[in-house]
C-alpha atoms as a PDB file:
ATOM      1  CA  MET A   1      -8.794 -14.677  12.455  1.00  0.00           C
ATOM      2  CA  GLY A   2      -7.334 -15.806   9.108  1.00  0.00           C
ATOM      3  CA  MET A   3      -4.779 -18.368   8.046  1.00  0.00           C
ATOM      4  CA  PHE A   4      -1.445 -18.197   6.216  1.00  0.00           C
ATOM      5  CA  ALA A   5      -0.981 -20.553   3.264  1.00  0.00           C
ATOM      6  CA  HIS A   6       1.122 -22.780   5.535  1.00  0.00           C
ATOM      7  CA  GLY A   7      -1.597 -23.009   8.177  1.00  0.00           C
ATOM      8  CA  ALA A   8      -0.183 -20.683  10.854  1.00  0.00           C
ATOM      9  CA  ALA A   9      -2.827 -18.459  12.417  1.00  0.00           C
ATOM     10  CA  TYR A  10      -2.488 -14.680  12.369  1.00  0.00           C
ATOM     11  CA  ALA A  11      -4.556 -11.704  13.423  1.00  0.00           C
ATOM     12  CA  SER A  12      -5.888  -9.567  10.614  1.00  0.00           C
ATOM     13  CA  ILE A  13      -6.930  -5.934  10.416  1.00  0.00           C
ATOM     14  CA  THR A  14      -9.159  -4.035   8.019  1.00  0.00           C
ATOM     15  CA  VAL A  15      -7.750  -1.093   6.075  1.00  0.00           C
ATOM     16  CA  PHE A  16      -9.060   0.809   3.069  1.00  0.00           C
ATOM     17  CA  ILE A  17      -7.041   0.442  -0.122  1.00  0.00           C
ATOM     18  CA  ASN A  18      -8.265   2.678  -2.945  1.00  0.00           C
ATOM     19  CA  GLY A  19     -11.507   3.073  -0.986  1.00  0.00           C
ATOM     20  CA  VAL A  20     -12.171  -0.665  -0.644  1.00  0.00           C
ATOM     21  CA  ALA A  21     -12.238  -2.318   2.789  1.00  0.00           C
ATOM     22  CA  THR A  22      -9.426  -4.894   2.664  1.00  0.00           C
ATOM     23  CA  GLU A  23      -8.429  -7.465   5.264  1.00  0.00           C
ATOM     24  CA  VAL A  24      -4.652  -7.708   5.661  1.00  0.00           C
ATOM     25  CA  PRO A  25      -2.431  -9.509   8.160  1.00  0.00           C
ATOM     26  CA  ARG A  26      -1.301  -7.546  11.215  1.00  0.00           C
ATOM     27  CA  GLY A  27       2.460  -6.996  11.107  1.00  0.00           C
ATOM     28  CA  PRO A  28       4.908  -7.131   8.191  1.00  0.00           C
ATOM     29  CA  ILE A  29       3.265  -7.390   4.768  1.00  0.00           C
ATOM     30  CA  ASP A  30       4.854  -8.733   1.597  1.00  0.00           C
ATOM     31  CA  LEU A  31       3.633  -6.028  -0.769  1.00  0.00           C
ATOM     32  CA  ARG A  32       5.111  -7.735  -3.859  1.00  0.00           C
ATOM     33  CA  SER A  33       3.359 -11.050  -3.325  1.00  0.00           C
ATOM     34  CA  MET A  34       0.037  -9.379  -2.460  1.00  0.00           C
ATOM     35  CA  PHE A  35      -0.111  -6.746  -5.206  1.00  0.00           C
ATOM     36  CA  GLY A  36       2.756  -7.276  -7.658  1.00  0.00           C
ATOM     37  CA  GLN A  37       6.240  -5.921  -8.134  1.00  0.00           C
ATOM     38  CA  ASP A  38       5.535  -2.485  -9.600  1.00  0.00           C
ATOM     39  CA  VAL A  39       3.343  -0.911  -6.906  1.00  0.00           C
ATOM     40  CA  MET A  40       3.720   1.157  -3.750  1.00  0.00           C
ATOM     41  CA  LEU A  41       1.310   2.078  -0.977  1.00  0.00           C
ATOM     42  CA  VAL A  42       0.680   5.732  -0.163  1.00  0.00           C
ATOM     43  CA  HIS A  43      -1.035   6.743   3.098  1.00  0.00           C
ATOM     44  CA  SER A  44      -4.024   9.063   2.698  1.00  0.00           C
ATOM     45  CA  THR A  45      -1.907  11.872   4.196  1.00  0.00           C
ATOM     46  CA  GLY A  46       0.477  11.568   1.231  1.00  0.00           C
ATOM     47  CA  GLY A  47       3.350   9.659   2.810  1.00  0.00           C
ATOM     48  CA  LEU A  48       4.900   6.770   0.914  1.00  0.00           C
ATOM     49  CA  LEU A  49       5.162   3.562   2.917  1.00  0.00           C
ATOM     50  CA  PRO A  50       8.772   2.338   2.720  1.00  0.00           C
ATOM     51  CA  VAL A  51       9.565  -1.195   1.557  1.00  0.00           C
ATOM     52  CA  ASN A  52      12.798  -3.160   1.786  1.00  0.00           C
ATOM     53  CA  GLU A  53      14.635  -4.742  -1.155  1.00  0.00           C
ATOM     54  CA  TYR A  54      12.415  -7.848  -0.851  1.00  0.00           C
ATOM     55  CA  GLY A  55       9.149  -5.916  -1.136  1.00  0.00           C
ATOM     56  CA  ILE A  56       8.260  -6.150   2.574  1.00  0.00           C
ATOM     57  CA  LEU A  57       6.625  -3.052   4.088  1.00  0.00           C
ATOM     58  CA  MET A  58       8.911  -1.474   6.690  1.00  0.00           C
ATOM     59  CA  GLN A  59       6.015  -0.131   8.774  1.00  0.00           C
ATOM     60  CA  ASN A  60       2.748  -1.774   9.723  1.00  0.00           C
ATOM     61  CA  LEU A  61      -0.574  -0.726   8.264  1.00  0.00           C
ATOM     62  CA  GLN A  62      -2.949   0.772  10.829  1.00  0.00           C
ATOM     63  CA  MET A  63      -6.484  -0.521  11.423  1.00  0.00           C
ATOM     64  CA  GLY A  64      -9.115   1.611   9.681  1.00  0.00           C
ATOM     65  CA  GLU A  65      -6.599   3.837   7.862  1.00  0.00           C
ATOM     66  CA  SER A  66      -6.843   4.648   4.145  1.00  0.00           C
ATOM     67  CA  TYR A  67      -4.089   3.861   1.661  1.00  0.00           C
ATOM     68  CA  PHE A  68      -3.698   4.137  -2.089  1.00  0.00           C
ATOM     69  CA  LEU A  69      -2.077   1.453  -4.203  1.00  0.00           C
ATOM     70  CA  VAL A  70      -0.197   3.222  -6.993  1.00  0.00           C
ATOM     71  CA  SER A  71       1.977   2.121  -9.863  1.00  0.00           C
ATOM     72  CA  ILE A  72       5.688   2.820  -9.411  1.00  0.00           C
ATOM     73  CA  ALA A  73       5.644   4.156 -12.989  1.00  0.00           C
ATOM     74  CA  ILE A  74       3.363   6.992 -11.810  1.00  0.00           C
ATOM     75  CA  LEU A  75       5.708   7.795  -8.913  1.00  0.00           C
ATOM     76  CA  VAL A  76       8.850   7.742 -11.069  1.00  0.00           C
ATOM     77  CA  ARG A  77       7.326   9.877 -13.792  1.00  0.00           C
ATOM     78  CA  THR A  78       6.165  12.550 -11.352  1.00  0.00           C
ATOM     79  CA  SER A  79       9.127  12.459  -8.967  1.00  0.00           C
ATOM     80  CA  ILE A  80      11.059  14.709 -11.349  1.00  0.00           C
ATOM     81  CA  ASP A  81       9.029  17.587  -9.872  1.00  0.00           C
ATOM     82  CA  HIS A  82       9.720  16.224  -6.338  1.00  0.00           C
ATOM     83  CA  ARG A  83       5.994  15.998  -5.761  1.00  0.00           C
ATOM     84  CA  LEU A  84       3.067  14.002  -7.043  1.00  0.00           C
ATOM     85  CA  THR A  85       0.258  16.321  -8.010  1.00  0.00           C
ATOM     86  CA  VAL A  86      -2.837  14.515  -9.242  1.00  0.00           C
ATOM     87  CA  ALA A  87      -2.569  10.861 -10.228  1.00  0.00           C
ATOM     88  CA  GLU A  88      -5.112   8.302 -11.292  1.00  0.00           C
ATOM     89  CA  HIS A  89      -4.942   4.647 -10.376  1.00  0.00           C
ATOM     90  CA  ASP A  90      -7.943   2.362 -10.690  1.00  0.00           C
ATOM     91  CA  ARG A  91     -10.298   5.356 -11.014  1.00  0.00           C
ATOM     92  CA  CYS A  92      -9.089   6.748  -7.681  1.00  0.00           C
ATOM     93  CA  TYR A  93      -7.890  10.366  -7.538  1.00  0.00           C
ATOM     94  CA  PHE A  94      -5.766  11.767  -4.741  1.00  0.00           C
ATOM     95  CA  ARG A  95      -3.460  14.689  -4.090  1.00  0.00           C
ATOM     96  CA  ILE A  96      -0.052  14.474  -2.448  1.00  0.00           C
ATOM     97  CA  HIS A  97       1.802  17.597  -1.300  1.00  0.00           C
END
């Protein structure tokens, strides 16, 4: 059990982000405040996790699942081909089809 900055209790889950076990709150996550404005999360199956205009993830992360934190610049540059082939972010390689 962890705590928000304002003292409200929340349940946390463990996920793997770029291969590192990371504890995150269960439920909606503010991706911008956690990781910065220019990043997205990609599930290990290749699916982008949608965010709203405020940087809040629109779907919950799942306990034990693997995700990759990638720079939006990588996604924009490669989206011209409508697919991301091989990208590097923090020494982590992955393939999206």
